[in-house]
Structure formats: structure tokens, C-alpha cells
Amino acid sequence: MRAMRYGRFGGPEVLEEADVPDPSAGPGETLVEVEAAGVNFGDIKQIAGEHTDGPYAPQGPLPRIPGMEVVGRTESGRRVLGYVPQGGYAAKTVVADRHLVALPPGVGAGEALAVLVQGLTAWHLLRSVARIRPGESVVVHAAAGGTGSLAVQLAREFGAGRIIATASSDEKRAFALELGADAAIDGDAAGYRERVLDANHGHPVDIVLDAIGGPVLDAALDTLGHLGRLVTYGASSRQTAAAIEPGRLAVDNIAVAGFWVIPLIVRNGAGGAELAELLDLTARRRLRPLVGAEYDLARARDAHEDLLGRRTKGKLVLRP
């Protein structure tokens, strides 16, 4: 079968097209013919060798096939959404039954891929970690991206009082406003605090969802009000944030938490009430997962380069 794989660690250039044997399903597994595979920053970290150890790392020797989410059909014809630790960038893959979910009618492949890793991330950022309360203000970084665009919409769905989006271009900021943000600003670290407070009518904010890291995270801490919460779930800037003095958290009555959805999926399975809610909201058009560019599987390198270059918005999809 057709697949994209990497035989050494590195950047997008290490991905190569290959003809490999079809996988076979074992007990508790299902063979899926892949209709579409999602592209994530996690895939980039896999091929860079950043997750080589621990219970969530890809298994087996190189070469490996990356990719952690697929939409396709089982041998019985059932259309499904599935999470895989690796192996998604291929014409066929094997999915553990606990990570396989039937798709409701009317949900497209790109939409489904968007609500698996990125949708579940947005849901848990707001509900499980930040514990959003009705009327609270929420700042969403990278609001035109896959997770950010869903977080803006879910914040509205969950009763946020004011949603402030950050994005890197006028086009992306305009899109965040279309999604339901009340204000959209430049997310650059320089002048960040002043722009956020101005967008919140001069008041500190309750929640910040940060996937940028580095100086942006440092600046975001200065915008939190009483009992404010900052949740970090990525560092796309690839810069290190300053160390946080615990005493400052106590004096300012603020909290900093981290979140990574993959350990949660590995522990609980991809299905469950949260994913069912996201798929239902999508089917009823209450949630609009943004599907960005689609690429032929052979162009996986281009997809990774575009994602790293922040030239994308929404979910990137590979078509085998």
C-alpha cells in the first residue's frame, strides 16, 4: 500500500513516499481503509524525534509511518473516526477498537478529523482545566488555527462573557471574529498586555489558552485578574518561557496549568461523552470545525512546512 514514512529524525524533508505491506488487525483491532488523515504538530514532533521515550511515544524501529488520526471505512463498510499512535499517513491502518468511533451522518472527513485531537483539546482546556464559568472572559491564542478556532466557538457555546482572539494577520483576525470572538488582536509579545486589556475594556481577563509559549506566555501572565487561569498546551514559538516564581501565583491569586490530550486519549480511549458532544454539535452545525488545505498524501512534506510556517488556518488533511 501507499504510505509516507521517515527513516531518520528531522524536519519535513525526512518524509518519503513508500510502498509498504498492508497492515493486519489483531484481537481488539479493526483494519480501516483511510479516506483522510489529519496533520498535527504532534506529527512534526514525532518525526523530529521529540517524543522518543515514555508511554506515549511511537513504538518500533525506524522507518515509521507518522499520523495519529484517520477517517475511513471498516471492511464491513462502517464509516469511522479513529486515533492511532502512529500509522495514519497511509492507505490503510489498524485502529484499536477503543479508539474507534462511528461517524454521524453529515459530518465530513475534515470536520471529523478536526474534532478528534484538536476538538477534544479545546473541550478539555475550557471544561476540565480552566473550568470556565458563565460570563468569564477568555483569551484564545492562535485563534485561526485548528484548536484555537474550535476553542473560540466552544467558549461561546459554554457561556463565555467576552472572547478575545489573537492571530498573526488581518485575515486571520477577521476570521476569528466570524467564528464568534468579540475582539481580535495581534498576538505578538511586544505590546501584548496593553492590547489584551484594551480589548477587555481595561479589565484583566479570567482565562488564557496558550499554544505559543515563550515571551507570549510571559506577557499573558500579566493580563490575568483575580483567580485567573492560564493553560499552556503547546509552544509553537519554540521559545522558552521565563521561570515562574510560585510566590507570585499566590500573591496574584492566579493559576498556571498544562494540558496534553494524548495521555488522556491513551488512558480513556478516543470515544466517550466529550467526543460524542463535539460530533453532535458538528452534525447540528452548532460547531463549525475549520477544514483548511487538503494535500495528496505524497505532499505531506508541504503540509508540515506550511504548518510550521504558520501559513495555514484550520485542519490540514492528507488524502491517500
C-alpha atoms as a PDB file:
ATOM      1  CA  MET A   1       0.000   0.000   0.000  1.00  0.00           C
ATOM      2  CA  ARG A   2       0.961   3.652  -0.363  1.00  0.00           C
ATOM      3  CA  ALA A   3       2.382   5.417   2.708  1.00  0.00           C
ATOM      4  CA  MET A   4       4.596   8.270   3.856  1.00  0.00           C
ATOM      5  CA  ARG A   5       7.305   7.327   6.332  1.00  0.00           C
ATOM      6  CA  TYR A   6      10.537   8.553   7.900  1.00  0.00           C
ATOM      7  CA  GLY A   7      13.744   6.578   8.331  1.00  0.00           C
ATOM      8  CA  ARG A   8      15.588   9.181  10.400  1.00  0.00           C
ATOM      9  CA  PHE A   9      14.620  12.043  12.671  1.00  0.00           C
ATOM     10  CA  GLY A  10      14.489  15.571  11.322  1.00  0.00           C
ATOM     11  CA  GLY A  11      12.249  18.122   9.637  1.00  0.00           C
ATOM     12  CA  PRO A  12       9.675  17.685   6.881  1.00  0.00           C
ATOM     13  CA  GLU A  13      12.452  16.695   4.471  1.00  0.00           C
ATOM     14  CA  VAL A  14      12.784  13.252   6.107  1.00  0.00           C
ATOM     15  CA  LEU A  15       9.294  12.191   4.962  1.00  0.00           C
ATOM     16  CA  GLU A  16       9.413   9.890   1.941  1.00  0.00           C
ATOM     17  CA  GLU A  17       6.736   8.089  -0.060  1.00  0.00           C
ATOM     18  CA  ALA A  18       6.978   4.312   0.067  1.00  0.00           C
ATOM     19  CA  ASP A  19       5.135   1.166  -0.984  1.00  0.00           C
ATOM     20  CA  VAL A  20       4.727  -0.935   2.169  1.00  0.00           C
ATOM     21  CA  PRO A  21       2.855  -4.149   3.075  1.00  0.00           C
ATOM     22  CA  ASP A  22      -0.771  -3.851   4.159  1.00  0.00           C
ATOM     23  CA  PRO A  23      -1.198  -3.986   7.948  1.00  0.00           C
ATOM     24  CA  SER A  24      -3.266  -6.732   9.548  1.00  0.00           C
ATOM     25  CA  ALA A  25      -5.606  -6.342  12.510  1.00  0.00           C
ATOM     26  CA  GLY A  26      -5.181  -8.390  15.663  1.00  0.00           C
ATOM     27  CA  PRO A  27      -7.556  -9.049  18.566  1.00  0.00           C
ATOM     28  CA  GLY A  28      -9.374  -5.887  19.644  1.00  0.00           C
ATOM     29  CA  GLU A  29      -8.342  -4.070  16.468  1.00  0.00           C
ATOM     30  CA  THR A  30     -10.002  -3.077  13.192  1.00  0.00           C
ATOM     31  CA  LEU A  31      -8.488  -2.577   9.754  1.00  0.00           C
ATOM     32  CA  VAL A  32      -9.518   0.783   8.294  1.00  0.00           C
ATOM     33  CA  GLU A  33      -9.202   1.883   4.674  1.00  0.00           C
ATOM     34  CA  VAL A  34      -8.160   5.510   5.080  1.00  0.00           C
ATOM     35  CA  GLU A  35     -10.253   8.201   3.422  1.00  0.00           C
ATOM     36  CA  ALA A  36      -8.332  11.069   5.021  1.00  0.00           C
ATOM     37  CA  ALA A  37      -5.614  11.583   7.620  1.00  0.00           C
ATOM     38  CA  GLY A  38      -5.183  14.629   9.831  1.00  0.00           C
ATOM     39  CA  VAL A  39      -1.970  16.643  10.230  1.00  0.00           C
ATOM     40  CA  ASN A  40      -0.914  17.796  13.703  1.00  0.00           C
ATOM     41  CA  PHE A  41       2.030  19.491  15.385  1.00  0.00           C
ATOM     42  CA  GLY A  42       2.362  16.158  17.189  1.00  0.00           C
ATOM     43  CA  ASP A  43       3.287  14.528  13.869  1.00  0.00           C
ATOM     44  CA  ILE A  44       6.048  17.098  13.395  1.00  0.00           C
ATOM     45  CA  LYS A  45       7.343  16.325  16.876  1.00  0.00           C
ATOM     46  CA  GLN A  46       7.249  12.597  16.100  1.00  0.00           C
ATOM     47  CA  ILE A  47       9.445  12.874  13.035  1.00  0.00           C
ATOM     48  CA  ALA A  48      11.732  15.345  14.824  1.00  0.00           C
ATOM     49  CA  GLY A  49      12.353  12.713  17.497  1.00  0.00           C
ATOM     50  CA  GLU A  50      10.986  14.858  20.311  1.00  0.00           C
ATOM     51  CA  HIS A  51       8.776  12.061  21.672  1.00  0.00           C
ATOM     52  CA  THR A  52      11.078   9.038  21.584  1.00  0.00           C
ATOM     53  CA  ASP A  53      10.655   7.922  25.206  1.00  0.00           C
ATOM     54  CA  GLY A  54       7.750   7.307  27.557  1.00  0.00           C
ATOM     55  CA  PRO A  55       4.394   5.544  27.299  1.00  0.00           C
ATOM     56  CA  TYR A  56       3.040   7.866  24.587  1.00  0.00           C
ATOM     57  CA  ALA A  57       5.991   7.632  22.201  1.00  0.00           C
ATOM     58  CA  PRO A  58       5.728   5.844  18.835  1.00  0.00           C
ATOM     59  CA  GLN A  59       6.812   2.232  19.078  1.00  0.00           C
ATOM     60  CA  GLY A  60       9.079   0.021  16.985  1.00  0.00           C
ATOM     61  CA  PRO A  61      12.222   0.662  14.955  1.00  0.00           C
ATOM     62  CA  LEU A  62      12.636   3.156  12.143  1.00  0.00           C
ATOM     63  CA  PRO A  63      11.335   3.565   9.489  1.00  0.00           C
ATOM     64  CA  ARG A  64       7.926   4.546  10.883  1.00  0.00           C
ATOM     65  CA  ILE A  65       4.704   5.899   9.421  1.00  0.00           C
ATOM     66  CA  PRO A  66       3.518   9.031  11.293  1.00  0.00           C
ATOM     67  CA  GLY A  67      -0.046  10.248  11.704  1.00  0.00           C
ATOM     68  CA  MET A  68      -2.407   9.891  14.659  1.00  0.00           C
ATOM     69  CA  GLU A  69      -5.934  10.414  13.328  1.00  0.00           C
ATOM     70  CA  VAL A  70      -7.843   8.947  10.416  1.00  0.00           C
ATOM     71  CA  VAL A  71     -11.289   8.825   8.862  1.00  0.00           C
ATOM     72  CA  GLY A  72     -12.123   5.780   6.776  1.00  0.00           C
ATOM     73  CA  ARG A  73     -14.206   2.669   6.357  1.00  0.00           C
ATOM     74  CA  THR A  74     -14.013  -0.703   8.007  1.00  0.00           C
ATOM     75  CA  GLU A  75     -14.221  -3.915   5.991  1.00  0.00           C
ATOM     76  CA  SER A  76     -17.930  -4.034   6.848  1.00  0.00           C
ATOM     77  CA  GLY A  77     -18.416  -0.564   5.295  1.00  0.00           C
ATOM     78  CA  ARG A  78     -18.853   1.370   8.530  1.00  0.00           C
ATOM     79  CA  ARG A  79     -17.543   4.955   8.315  1.00  0.00           C
ATOM     80  CA  VAL A  80     -15.376   5.682  11.338  1.00  0.00           C
ATOM     81  CA  LEU A  81     -13.069   8.161  13.024  1.00  0.00           C
ATOM     82  CA  GLY A  82     -10.042   6.722  14.776  1.00  0.00           C
ATOM     83  CA  TYR A  83      -6.977   7.613  16.833  1.00  0.00           C
ATOM     84  CA  VAL A  84      -3.701   5.774  16.213  1.00  0.00           C
ATOM     85  CA  PRO A  85      -0.342   6.370  17.975  1.00  0.00           C
ATOM     86  CA  GLN A  86       1.282   6.210  14.527  1.00  0.00           C
ATOM     87  CA  GLY A  87       0.476   4.860  11.075  1.00  0.00           C
ATOM     88  CA  GLY A  88      -2.127   7.338   9.821  1.00  0.00           C
ATOM     89  CA  TYR A  89      -0.225   8.568   6.748  1.00  0.00           C
ATOM     90  CA  ALA A  90      -1.139   5.501   4.713  1.00  0.00           C
ATOM     91  CA  ALA A  91      -3.839   3.973   2.532  1.00  0.00           C
ATOM     92  CA  LYS A  92      -4.759   1.568   5.332  1.00  0.00           C
ATOM     93  CA  THR A  93      -4.133   1.428   9.060  1.00  0.00           C
ATOM     94  CA  VAL A  94      -5.116  -0.607  12.101  1.00  0.00           C
ATOM     95  CA  VAL A  95      -7.080   1.088  14.888  1.00  0.00           C
ATOM     96  CA  ALA A  96      -7.679  -0.279  18.384  1.00  0.00           C
ATOM     97  CA  ASP A  97     -11.425  -0.716  18.880  1.00  0.00           C
ATOM     98  CA  ARG A  98     -11.352   1.520  21.988  1.00  0.00           C
ATOM     99  CA  HIS A  99     -10.109   4.355  19.781  1.00  0.00           C
ATOM    100  CA  LEU A 100     -12.701   3.899  17.026  1.00  0.00           C
ATOM    101  CA  VAL A 101     -15.907   5.945  16.797  1.00  0.00           C
ATOM    102  CA  ALA A 102     -18.754   5.697  14.278  1.00  0.00           C
ATOM    103  CA  LEU A 103     -19.358   8.970  12.437  1.00  0.00           C
ATOM    104  CA  PRO A 104     -22.837  10.523  12.451  1.00  0.00           C
ATOM    105  CA  PRO A 105     -24.344  11.355   9.044  1.00  0.00           C
ATOM    106  CA  GLY A 106     -23.461  14.728   7.619  1.00  0.00           C
ATOM    107  CA  VAL A 107     -20.056  15.102   9.272  1.00  0.00           C
ATOM    108  CA  GLY A 108     -17.288  15.470   6.677  1.00  0.00           C
ATOM    109  CA  ALA A 109     -13.903  13.798   6.904  1.00  0.00           C
ATOM    110  CA  GLY A 110     -12.047  17.042   7.595  1.00  0.00           C
ATOM    111  CA  GLU A 111     -14.592  18.116  10.199  1.00  0.00           C
ATOM    112  CA  ALA A 112     -14.309  14.779  11.995  1.00  0.00           C
ATOM    113  CA  LEU A 113     -10.512  14.912  11.988  1.00  0.00           C
ATOM    114  CA  ALA A 114     -10.658  18.421  13.432  1.00  0.00           C
ATOM    115  CA  VAL A 115     -12.727  17.388  16.439  1.00  0.00           C
ATOM    116  CA  LEU A 116     -10.635  14.381  17.439  1.00  0.00           C
ATOM    117  CA  VAL A 117      -7.297  15.658  18.765  1.00  0.00           C
ATOM    118  CA  GLN A 118      -7.919  19.401  18.374  1.00  0.00           C
ATOM    119  CA  GLY A 119     -11.585  19.410  19.329  1.00  0.00           C
ATOM    120  CA  LEU A 120     -11.006  17.276  22.404  1.00  0.00           C
ATOM    121  CA  THR A 121      -8.098  19.549  23.306  1.00  0.00           C
ATOM    122  CA  ALA A 122     -10.291  22.656  23.109  1.00  0.00           C
ATOM    123  CA  TRP A 123     -13.093  20.979  25.092  1.00  0.00           C
ATOM    124  CA  HIS A 124     -10.799  19.910  27.936  1.00  0.00           C
ATOM    125  CA  LEU A 125      -8.888  23.204  28.002  1.00  0.00           C
ATOM    126  CA  LEU A 126     -12.115  25.031  28.748  1.00  0.00           C
ATOM    127  CA  ARG A 127     -14.078  22.472  30.750  1.00  0.00           C
ATOM    128  CA  SER A 128     -11.605  20.214  32.549  1.00  0.00           C
ATOM    129  CA  VAL A 129      -8.636  22.507  33.165  1.00  0.00           C
ATOM    130  CA  ALA A 130      -9.765  26.156  33.072  1.00  0.00           C
ATOM    131  CA  ARG A 131     -13.211  25.170  34.409  1.00  0.00           C
ATOM    132  CA  ILE A 132     -14.906  28.018  32.590  1.00  0.00           C
ATOM    133  CA  ARG A 133     -17.863  29.700  34.284  1.00  0.00           C
ATOM    134  CA  PRO A 134     -20.613  31.639  32.509  1.00  0.00           C
ATOM    135  CA  GLY A 135     -19.720  35.258  31.914  1.00  0.00           C
ATOM    136  CA  GLU A 136     -15.945  34.848  32.163  1.00  0.00           C
ATOM    137  CA  SER A 137     -13.520  36.426  29.702  1.00  0.00           C
ATOM    138  CA  VAL A 138     -11.364  34.097  27.602  1.00  0.00           C
ATOM    139  CA  VAL A 139      -8.282  34.875  25.526  1.00  0.00           C
ATOM    140  CA  VAL A 140      -7.570  32.321  22.783  1.00  0.00           C
ATOM    141  CA  HIS A 141      -4.120  32.405  21.205  1.00  0.00           C
ATOM    142  CA  ALA A 142      -3.674  31.309  17.565  1.00  0.00           C
ATOM    143  CA  ALA A 143      -7.426  31.592  17.189  1.00  0.00           C
ATOM    144  CA  ALA A 144      -7.467  30.840  13.455  1.00  0.00           C
ATOM    145  CA  GLY A 145      -5.710  27.503  13.930  1.00  0.00           C
ATOM    146  CA  GLY A 146      -7.261  24.088  14.376  1.00  0.00           C
ATOM    147  CA  THR A 147      -7.550  24.083  18.169  1.00  0.00           C
ATOM    148  CA  GLY A 148      -7.922  27.847  18.541  1.00  0.00           C
ATOM    149  CA  SER A 149     -10.818  28.121  16.086  1.00  0.00           C
ATOM    150  CA  LEU A 150     -12.695  25.421  17.975  1.00  0.00           C
ATOM    151  CA  ALA A 151     -11.859  26.963  21.351  1.00  0.00           C
ATOM    152  CA  VAL A 152     -13.379  30.283  20.255  1.00  0.00           C
ATOM    153  CA  GLN A 153     -16.632  28.567  19.281  1.00  0.00           C
ATOM    154  CA  LEU A 154     -16.770  26.325  22.343  1.00  0.00           C
ATOM    155  CA  ALA A 155     -16.100  29.274  24.652  1.00  0.00           C
ATOM    156  CA  ARG A 156     -19.194  30.895  23.160  1.00  0.00           C
ATOM    157  CA  GLU A 157     -21.141  27.615  23.493  1.00  0.00           C
ATOM    158  CA  PHE A 158     -20.078  27.322  27.147  1.00  0.00           C
ATOM    159  CA  GLY A 159     -21.247  30.830  28.045  1.00  0.00           C
ATOM    160  CA  ALA A 160     -18.114  32.998  27.961  1.00  0.00           C
ATOM    161  CA  GLY A 161     -18.859  36.656  28.570  1.00  0.00           C
ATOM    162  CA  ARG A 162     -16.141  38.034  26.304  1.00  0.00           C
ATOM    163  CA  ILE A 163     -13.836  36.196  23.901  1.00  0.00           C
ATOM    164  CA  ILE A 164     -10.595  37.820  22.760  1.00  0.00           C
ATOM    165  CA  ALA A 165      -8.790  36.114  19.886  1.00  0.00           C
ATOM    166  CA  THR A 166      -5.165  36.603  18.931  1.00  0.00           C
ATOM    167  CA  ALA A 167      -3.821  35.874  15.466  1.00  0.00           C
ATOM    168  CA  SER A 168      -0.887  36.882  13.294  1.00  0.00           C
ATOM    169  CA  SER A 169      -2.612  38.567  10.331  1.00  0.00           C
ATOM    170  CA  ASP A 170      -5.583  40.771   9.500  1.00  0.00           C
ATOM    171  CA  GLU A 171      -7.156  37.908   7.560  1.00  0.00           C
ATOM    172  CA  LYS A 172      -6.882  35.505  10.471  1.00  0.00           C
ATOM    173  CA  ARG A 173      -8.205  38.080  12.926  1.00  0.00           C
ATOM    174  CA  ALA A 174     -11.198  38.752  10.691  1.00  0.00           C
ATOM    175  CA  PHE A 175     -11.874  35.029  10.570  1.00  0.00           C
ATOM    176  CA  ALA A 176     -11.768  34.774  14.378  1.00  0.00           C
ATOM    177  CA  LEU A 177     -14.433  37.481  14.560  1.00  0.00           C
ATOM    178  CA  GLU A 178     -16.583  35.462  12.139  1.00  0.00           C
ATOM    179  CA  LEU A 179     -16.267  32.470  14.462  1.00  0.00           C
ATOM    180  CA  GLY A 180     -17.707  34.446  17.365  1.00  0.00           C
ATOM    181  CA  ALA A 181     -14.829  36.287  19.027  1.00  0.00           C
ATOM    182  CA  ASP A 182     -15.776  39.690  20.442  1.00  0.00           C
ATOM    183  CA  ALA A 183     -12.362  41.155  19.651  1.00  0.00           C
ATOM    184  CA  ALA A 184      -9.328  40.026  17.650  1.00  0.00           C
ATOM    185  CA  ILE A 185      -5.827  41.408  18.181  1.00  0.00           C
ATOM    186  CA  ASP A 186      -2.226  40.850  17.169  1.00  0.00           C
ATOM    187  CA  GLY A 187      -0.740  38.133  19.370  1.00  0.00           C
ATOM    188  CA  ASP A 188       2.872  39.340  19.271  1.00  0.00           C
ATOM    189  CA  ALA A 189       4.558  39.618  22.682  1.00  0.00           C
ATOM    190  CA  ALA A 190       5.504  43.282  22.225  1.00  0.00           C
ATOM    191  CA  GLY A 191       2.599  45.375  23.488  1.00  0.00           C
ATOM    192  CA  TYR A 192       0.564  42.246  24.247  1.00  0.00           C
ATOM    193  CA  ARG A 193      -0.652  43.274  27.714  1.00  0.00           C
ATOM    194  CA  GLU A 194      -1.900  46.661  26.570  1.00  0.00           C
ATOM    195  CA  ARG A 195      -3.778  45.184  23.603  1.00  0.00           C
ATOM    196  CA  VAL A 196      -5.469  42.484  25.695  1.00  0.00           C
ATOM    197  CA  LEU A 197      -6.558  44.841  28.445  1.00  0.00           C
ATOM    198  CA  ASP A 198      -7.833  47.332  25.886  1.00  0.00           C
ATOM    199  CA  ALA A 199      -9.805  44.558  24.155  1.00  0.00           C
ATOM    200  CA  ASN A 200     -11.323  43.654  27.538  1.00  0.00           C
ATOM    201  CA  HIS A 201     -12.430  47.253  28.247  1.00  0.00           C
ATOM    202  CA  GLY A 202      -9.481  47.884  30.539  1.00  0.00           C
ATOM    203  CA  HIS A 203     -10.100  44.879  32.795  1.00  0.00           C
ATOM    204  CA  PRO A 204      -7.839  41.862  33.475  1.00  0.00           C
ATOM    205  CA  VAL A 205      -9.004  38.567  31.978  1.00  0.00           C
ATOM    206  CA  ASP A 206     -10.161  35.320  33.568  1.00  0.00           C
ATOM    207  CA  ILE A 207      -8.735  32.657  31.233  1.00  0.00           C
ATOM    208  CA  VAL A 208      -5.888  32.498  28.702  1.00  0.00           C
ATOM    209  CA  LEU A 209      -5.419  29.457  26.449  1.00  0.00           C
ATOM    210  CA  ASP A 210      -1.827  29.470  25.204  1.00  0.00           C
ATOM    211  CA  ALA A 211      -0.223  27.343  22.491  1.00  0.00           C
ATOM    212  CA  ILE A 212       2.556  29.815  21.654  1.00  0.00           C
ATOM    213  CA  GLY A 213       4.789  29.785  24.727  1.00  0.00           C
ATOM    214  CA  GLY A 214       7.949  31.826  25.202  1.00  0.00           C
ATOM    215  CA  PRO A 215       7.589  35.604  25.591  1.00  0.00           C
ATOM    216  CA  VAL A 216       3.892  35.442  24.700  1.00  0.00           C
ATOM    217  CA  LEU A 217       3.195  33.236  27.719  1.00  0.00           C
ATOM    218  CA  ASP A 218       5.246  35.617  29.880  1.00  0.00           C
ATOM    219  CA  ALA A 219       3.183  38.575  28.680  1.00  0.00           C
ATOM    220  CA  ALA A 220      -0.115  36.704  29.106  1.00  0.00           C
ATOM    221  CA  LEU A 221       0.529  36.148  32.815  1.00  0.00           C
ATOM    222  CA  ASP A 222       0.406  39.907  33.312  1.00  0.00           C
ATOM    223  CA  THR A 223      -3.152  40.077  31.955  1.00  0.00           C
ATOM    224  CA  LEU A 224      -4.758  37.663  34.444  1.00  0.00           C
ATOM    225  CA  GLY A 225      -7.131  39.013  37.057  1.00  0.00           C
ATOM    226  CA  HIS A 226      -8.143  37.662  40.474  1.00  0.00           C
ATOM    227  CA  LEU A 227      -8.358  33.837  40.305  1.00  0.00           C
ATOM    228  CA  GLY A 228      -7.330  33.956  36.651  1.00  0.00           C
ATOM    229  CA  ARG A 229      -6.107  30.803  34.921  1.00  0.00           C
ATOM    230  CA  LEU A 230      -3.572  30.344  32.158  1.00  0.00           C
ATOM    231  CA  VAL A 231      -3.496  26.944  30.451  1.00  0.00           C
ATOM    232  CA  THR A 232      -0.479  26.081  28.331  1.00  0.00           C
ATOM    233  CA  TYR A 233      -0.873  23.296  25.787  1.00  0.00           C
ATOM    234  CA  GLY A 234       1.886  23.933  23.257  1.00  0.00           C
ATOM    235  CA  ALA A 235       4.892  26.046  22.357  1.00  0.00           C
ATOM    236  CA  SER A 236       4.715  26.719  18.640  1.00  0.00           C
ATOM    237  CA  SER A 237       7.161  29.626  19.039  1.00  0.00           C
ATOM    238  CA  ARG A 238       9.785  27.066  20.086  1.00  0.00           C
ATOM    239  CA  GLN A 239      10.976  29.603  22.646  1.00  0.00           C
ATOM    240  CA  THR A 240      11.320  29.058  26.384  1.00  0.00           C
ATOM    241  CA  ALA A 241       9.124  30.991  28.776  1.00  0.00           C
ATOM    242  CA  ALA A 242      10.628  32.563  31.881  1.00  0.00           C
ATOM    243  CA  ALA A 243      10.582  30.600  35.122  1.00  0.00           C
ATOM    244  CA  ILE A 244       7.505  31.334  37.221  1.00  0.00           C
ATOM    245  CA  GLU A 245       8.025  32.166  40.882  1.00  0.00           C
ATOM    246  CA  PRO A 246       5.408  30.213  42.908  1.00  0.00           C
ATOM    247  CA  GLY A 247       5.060  33.108  45.331  1.00  0.00           C
ATOM    248  CA  ARG A 248       3.843  35.300  42.500  1.00  0.00           C
ATOM    249  CA  LEU A 249       0.993  32.897  41.821  1.00  0.00           C
ATOM    250  CA  ALA A 250      -0.113  33.139  45.445  1.00  0.00           C
ATOM    251  CA  VAL A 251       0.199  36.906  45.680  1.00  0.00           C
ATOM    252  CA  ASP A 252      -1.710  37.467  42.439  1.00  0.00           C
ATOM    253  CA  ASN A 253      -4.191  34.611  43.065  1.00  0.00           C
ATOM    254  CA  ILE A 254      -3.586  33.137  39.623  1.00  0.00           C
ATOM    255  CA  ALA A 255      -3.020  29.599  38.372  1.00  0.00           C
ATOM    256  CA  VAL A 256      -0.929  28.124  35.570  1.00  0.00           C
ATOM    257  CA  ALA A 257      -1.784  24.652  34.315  1.00  0.00           C
ATOM    258  CA  GLY A 258      -0.682  22.461  31.451  1.00  0.00           C
ATOM    259  CA  PHE A 259      -2.629  20.097  29.229  1.00  0.00           C
ATOM    260  CA  TRP A 260      -1.815  17.439  26.637  1.00  0.00           C
ATOM    261  CA  VAL A 261      -4.694  15.451  25.205  1.00  0.00           C
ATOM    262  CA  ILE A 262      -2.750  12.374  24.072  1.00  0.00           C
ATOM    263  CA  PRO A 263      -2.216  10.861  27.561  1.00  0.00           C
ATOM    264  CA  LEU A 264      -5.932  11.377  28.203  1.00  0.00           C
ATOM    265  CA  ILE A 265      -6.873   9.565  24.982  1.00  0.00           C
ATOM    266  CA  VAL A 266      -4.440   6.736  25.720  1.00  0.00           C
ATOM    267  CA  ARG A 267      -5.890   6.360  29.210  1.00  0.00           C
ATOM    268  CA  ASN A 268      -9.606   6.686  28.458  1.00  0.00           C
ATOM    269  CA  GLY A 269      -9.936   5.826  24.771  1.00  0.00           C
ATOM    270  CA  ALA A 270     -10.844   8.226  21.986  1.00  0.00           C
ATOM    271  CA  GLY A 271     -14.578   7.770  22.402  1.00  0.00           C
ATOM    272  CA  GLY A 272     -16.704   8.995  25.258  1.00  0.00           C
ATOM    273  CA  ALA A 273     -19.194  11.714  26.062  1.00  0.00           C
ATOM    274  CA  GLU A 274     -16.858  14.590  25.147  1.00  0.00           C
ATOM    275  CA  LEU A 275     -16.198  13.427  21.581  1.00  0.00           C
ATOM    276  CA  ALA A 276     -19.862  12.470  21.172  1.00  0.00           C
ATOM    277  CA  GLU A 277     -20.831  16.023  22.187  1.00  0.00           C
ATOM    278  CA  LEU A 278     -18.371  17.531  19.696  1.00  0.00           C
ATOM    279  CA  LEU A 279     -19.598  15.340  16.833  1.00  0.00           C
ATOM    280  CA  ASP A 280     -23.217  16.088  17.717  1.00  0.00           C
ATOM    281  CA  LEU A 281     -22.556  19.840  17.798  1.00  0.00           C
ATOM    282  CA  THR A 282     -20.882  19.499  14.403  1.00  0.00           C
ATOM    283  CA  ALA A 283     -23.714  17.464  12.894  1.00  0.00           C
ATOM    284  CA  ARG A 284     -26.221  20.083  14.150  1.00  0.00           C
ATOM    285  CA  ARG A 285     -23.998  22.920  12.824  1.00  0.00           C
ATOM    286  CA  ARG A 286     -23.615  24.448  16.265  1.00  0.00           C
ATOM    287  CA  LEU A 287     -19.875  23.864  15.883  1.00  0.00           C
ATOM    288  CA  ARG A 288     -18.008  24.699  12.711  1.00  0.00           C
ATOM    289  CA  PRO A 289     -14.701  22.818  12.559  1.00  0.00           C
ATOM    290  CA  LEU A 290     -12.474  24.668  10.154  1.00  0.00           C
ATOM    291  CA  VAL A 291     -11.090  22.493   7.380  1.00  0.00           C
ATOM    292  CA  GLY A 292      -8.032  24.099   5.847  1.00  0.00           C
ATOM    293  CA  ALA A 293      -5.908  22.897   2.963  1.00  0.00           C
ATOM    294  CA  GLU A 294      -6.067  19.359   1.613  1.00  0.00           C
ATOM    295  CA  TYR A 295      -2.960  17.677   0.210  1.00  0.00           C
ATOM    296  CA  ASP A 296      -2.288  14.490  -1.652  1.00  0.00           C
ATOM    297  CA  LEU A 297      -0.504  12.058   0.674  1.00  0.00           C
ATOM    298  CA  ALA A 298       2.705  12.469  -1.331  1.00  0.00           C
ATOM    299  CA  ARG A 299       2.717  16.179  -0.379  1.00  0.00           C
ATOM    300  CA  ALA A 300       2.903  15.549   3.381  1.00  0.00           C
ATOM    301  CA  ARG A 301       6.187  17.480   3.455  1.00  0.00           C
ATOM    302  CA  ASP A 302       4.410  20.547   2.086  1.00  0.00           C
ATOM    303  CA  ALA A 303       1.695  20.225   4.732  1.00  0.00           C
ATOM    304  CA  HIS A 304       4.305  20.128   7.512  1.00  0.00           C
ATOM    305  CA  GLU A 305       6.212  23.079   6.083  1.00  0.00           C
ATOM    306  CA  ASP A 306       3.029  25.133   5.787  1.00  0.00           C
ATOM    307  CA  LEU A 307       2.054  24.308   9.368  1.00  0.00           C
ATOM    308  CA  LEU A 308       5.499  25.218  10.695  1.00  0.00           C
ATOM    309  CA  GLY A 309       5.455  28.431   8.658  1.00  0.00           C
ATOM    310  CA  ARG A 310       2.088  29.458  10.166  1.00  0.00           C
ATOM    311  CA  ARG A 311       0.666  29.770   6.663  1.00  0.00           C
ATOM    312  CA  THR A 312      -2.438  27.758   7.466  1.00  0.00           C
ATOM    313  CA  LYS A 313      -5.743  28.036   9.251  1.00  0.00           C
ATOM    314  CA  GLY A 314      -7.896  25.156  10.359  1.00  0.00           C
ATOM    315  CA  LYS A 315      -7.399  21.436   9.967  1.00  0.00           C
ATOM    316  CA  LEU A 316      -4.893  20.200   7.397  1.00  0.00           C
ATOM    317  CA  VAL A 317      -5.882  16.962   5.670  1.00  0.00           C
ATOM    318  CA  LEU A 318      -3.956  14.352   3.689  1.00  0.00           C
ATOM    319  CA  ARG A 319      -5.772  12.270   1.057  1.00  0.00           C
ATOM    320  CA  PRO A 320      -4.208   8.854   0.297  1.00  0.00           C
END
